[in-house]
Amino acid sequence: MPKDRAHSGAKASHPVRGSVMQDDRRYYVYIMASRSLTLYTGVTGNLYARALQHRAGEIEGFTKKYRVTRLVHYEPLKYVNNAIAREKQVKAWTRAKRIALIKTINPTFQDLAEGWGEATKLQIPHFVRDDNSKKEPERIVKASDDSKINSGSAGGRTA
């Protein structure tokens, strides 16, 4: 096993999106799967872009023909030679051994690239917004205000 290999099954973040410094360059051996678990193993320098290409059917050949669109496993490696060697090693394995590898990190075969390439809705707190859609915060009714509510005055709100 190469020393620079580190497994990553985290769905929350995506690897290498945007610019990367030369020393921080990473290569990825990845496994894609179809809904019927047809598997494809590949290597890339930009996992984010490659996963989106597979999902969109932009890559002609096997993955497009068999609708292999879900990223189910990937391994980052520092050196391209190690990535190519690892890809060849994994491709030479039996299907059962590749499935066992996937299950070590992703036992339910979830799409690790789910949500990549989709617009994200910013969740900006209302007190930070500058869009004139500020809502007046509701007043918290204190025990001393109960008499006003019960007597029908102002309904617990101030004008």
Protein backbone atom coordinates (compact mmCIF):
# COMPACT_ATOMS: atom_id res chain seq x y z
CA MET A 1 0.00 0.00 0.00
CA PRO A 2 1.53 3.39 -0.95
CA LYS A 3 2.38 5.58 2.03
CA ASP A 4 0.62 8.61 0.59
CA ARG A 5 -2.78 6.95 0.25
CA ALA A 6 -5.52 8.06 2.59
CA HIS A 7 -9.09 6.87 2.41
CA SER A 8 -11.87 9.39 2.38
CA GLY A 9 -15.53 8.58 2.45
CA ALA A 10 -16.71 11.86 3.84
CA LYS A 11 -19.72 13.11 1.99
CA ALA A 12 -19.80 16.55 3.49
CA SER A 13 -16.80 18.00 1.69
CA HIS A 14 -15.53 17.53 -1.80
CA PRO A 15 -11.92 17.14 -2.77
CA VAL A 16 -10.04 19.61 -4.95
CA ARG A 17 -12.55 22.19 -6.02
CA GLY A 18 -10.88 25.26 -7.37
CA SER A 19 -7.21 26.06 -7.64
CA VAL A 20 -4.56 23.96 -5.96
CA MET A 21 -0.98 24.90 -5.26
CA GLN A 22 1.55 22.77 -7.15
CA ASP A 23 2.88 21.10 -3.97
CA ASP A 24 -0.65 20.23 -2.86
CA ARG A 25 -1.64 18.54 -6.12
CA ARG A 26 -3.61 15.33 -5.61
CA TYR A 27 -4.64 12.53 -7.92
CA TYR A 28 -7.58 10.26 -7.32
CA VAL A 29 -8.37 6.63 -7.97
CA TYR A 30 -12.14 6.41 -7.96
CA ILE A 31 -14.89 3.86 -8.39
CA MET A 32 -18.21 4.76 -9.96
CA ALA A 33 -21.30 2.55 -9.83
CA SER A 34 -24.63 2.30 -11.59
CA ARG A 35 -27.90 1.61 -9.81
CA SER A 36 -27.46 -2.08 -10.70
CA LEU A 37 -23.89 -1.94 -9.31
CA THR A 38 -22.01 -2.04 -12.58
CA LEU A 39 -18.58 -0.75 -11.52
CA TYR A 40 -16.02 1.46 -13.23
CA THR A 41 -12.55 2.29 -11.85
CA GLY A 42 -10.63 5.34 -13.05
CA VAL A 43 -7.95 7.87 -12.19
CA THR A 44 -8.13 11.67 -12.39
CA GLY A 45 -6.48 14.84 -11.21
CA ASN A 46 -9.83 16.57 -10.62
CA LEU A 47 -12.35 14.30 -8.93
CA TYR A 48 -14.98 17.01 -8.64
CA ALA A 49 -15.06 17.72 -12.39
CA ARG A 50 -14.78 14.04 -13.35
CA ALA A 51 -17.68 12.98 -11.13
CA LEU A 52 -19.85 15.71 -12.67
CA GLN A 53 -18.83 14.58 -16.19
CA HIS A 54 -19.84 10.99 -15.43
CA ARG A 55 -23.13 12.12 -13.89
CA ALA A 56 -23.97 14.25 -16.95
CA GLY A 57 -23.06 11.45 -19.38
CA GLU A 58 -20.37 13.61 -20.99
CA ILE A 59 -17.79 10.83 -21.16
CA GLU A 60 -18.43 8.54 -24.11
CA GLY A 61 -17.99 4.82 -23.64
CA PHE A 62 -18.61 2.34 -20.87
CA THR A 63 -19.88 4.69 -18.16
CA LYS A 64 -22.32 6.44 -20.49
CA LYS A 65 -23.56 3.18 -22.04
CA TYR A 66 -24.23 1.53 -18.65
CA ARG A 67 -25.25 4.71 -16.80
CA VAL A 68 -22.45 4.49 -14.27
CA THR A 69 -23.01 7.82 -12.55
CA ARG A 70 -22.56 7.43 -8.78
CA LEU A 71 -19.23 8.02 -7.06
CA VAL A 72 -18.98 5.28 -4.44
CA HIS A 73 -15.29 5.28 -3.53
CA TYR A 74 -12.17 7.38 -3.99
CA GLU A 75 -8.62 7.48 -2.72
CA PRO A 76 -6.42 10.58 -2.91
CA LEU A 77 -2.77 10.04 -3.80
CA LYS A 78 0.04 12.56 -4.00
CA TYR A 79 1.90 11.21 -7.02
CA VAL A 80 0.42 10.42 -10.42
CA ASN A 81 2.58 7.28 -10.79
CA ASN A 82 1.14 5.90 -7.54
CA ALA A 83 -2.38 6.74 -8.69
CA ILE A 84 -1.93 4.92 -12.01
CA ALA A 85 -0.39 1.91 -10.28
CA ARG A 86 -3.25 1.80 -7.76
CA GLU A 87 -5.85 2.07 -10.54
CA LYS A 88 -4.25 -0.89 -12.34
CA GLN A 89 -4.14 -2.86 -9.10
CA VAL A 90 -7.84 -2.24 -8.33
CA LYS A 91 -8.88 -2.97 -11.93
CA ALA A 92 -7.11 -6.34 -11.73
CA TRP A 93 -9.13 -7.33 -8.65
CA THR A 94 -12.24 -9.45 -8.79
CA ARG A 95 -15.61 -7.73 -8.59
CA ALA A 96 -16.09 -9.18 -5.10
CA LYS A 97 -12.83 -7.64 -3.89
CA ARG A 98 -13.75 -4.21 -5.33
CA ILE A 99 -17.16 -4.37 -3.65
CA ALA A 100 -15.45 -5.28 -0.35
CA LEU A 101 -13.18 -2.23 -0.76
CA ILE A 102 -16.18 0.04 -1.31
CA LYS A 103 -18.00 -1.42 1.70
CA THR A 104 -15.09 -0.63 4.03
CA ILE A 105 -15.85 3.08 3.69
CA ASN A 106 -19.27 3.28 2.03
CA PRO A 107 -21.27 0.20 3.06
CA THR A 108 -24.56 1.54 1.67
CA PHE A 109 -23.09 2.62 -1.70
CA GLN A 110 -24.25 6.21 -1.23
CA ASP A 111 -23.27 8.67 -3.95
CA LEU A 112 -20.34 10.52 -2.38
CA ALA A 113 -20.72 13.28 -4.97
CA GLU A 114 -24.37 13.91 -4.17
CA GLY A 115 -25.07 17.63 -4.35
CA TRP A 116 -21.85 18.48 -6.20
CA GLY A 117 -22.42 20.99 -8.98
CA GLU A 118 -25.80 22.08 -7.65
CA ALA A 119 -26.55 25.63 -6.65
CA THR A 120 -26.45 26.11 -2.93
CA LYS A 121 -28.89 28.36 -1.16
CA LEU A 122 -27.14 30.73 1.17
CA GLN A 123 -28.55 30.75 4.64
CA ILE A 124 -27.91 34.26 5.87
CA PRO A 125 -29.39 35.18 9.25
CA HIS A 126 -32.05 37.88 9.02
CA PHE A 127 -30.12 40.31 11.20
CA VAL A 128 -27.19 40.27 8.72
CA ARG A 129 -29.26 40.76 5.56
CA ASP A 130 -29.41 44.09 3.79
CA ASP A 131 -32.48 43.41 1.67
CA ASN A 132 -35.18 45.40 3.49
CA SER A 133 -37.02 42.19 4.36
CA LYS A 134 -36.33 42.49 8.05
CA LYS A 135 -39.12 41.18 10.17
CA GLU A 136 -39.77 42.76 13.50
CA PRO A 137 -38.82 40.25 16.16
CA GLU A 138 -41.74 39.02 18.20
CA ARG A 139 -41.85 40.37 21.69
CA ILE A 140 -41.43 37.83 24.44
CA VAL A 141 -44.33 38.03 26.86
CA LYS A 142 -43.19 38.22 30.46
CA ALA A 143 -45.23 37.23 33.47
CA SER A 144 -45.72 40.92 34.35
CA ASP A 145 -47.34 41.47 30.90
CA ASP A 146 -50.06 38.84 31.53
CA SER A 147 -52.41 41.48 32.91
CA LYS A 148 -52.18 43.48 29.66
CA ILE A 149 -52.94 40.40 27.55
CA ASN A 150 -55.84 39.33 29.72
CA SER A 151 -57.32 42.82 29.80
CA GLY A 152 -57.24 43.03 26.00
CA SER A 153 -54.71 45.85 25.70
CA ALA A 154 -52.22 45.71 22.82
CA GLY A 155 -52.27 41.89 22.66
CA GLY A 156 -48.73 41.55 24.02
CA ARG A 157 -47.21 43.61 21.19
CA THR A 158 -46.08 47.17 21.07
CA ALA A 159 -46.69 49.48 18.15
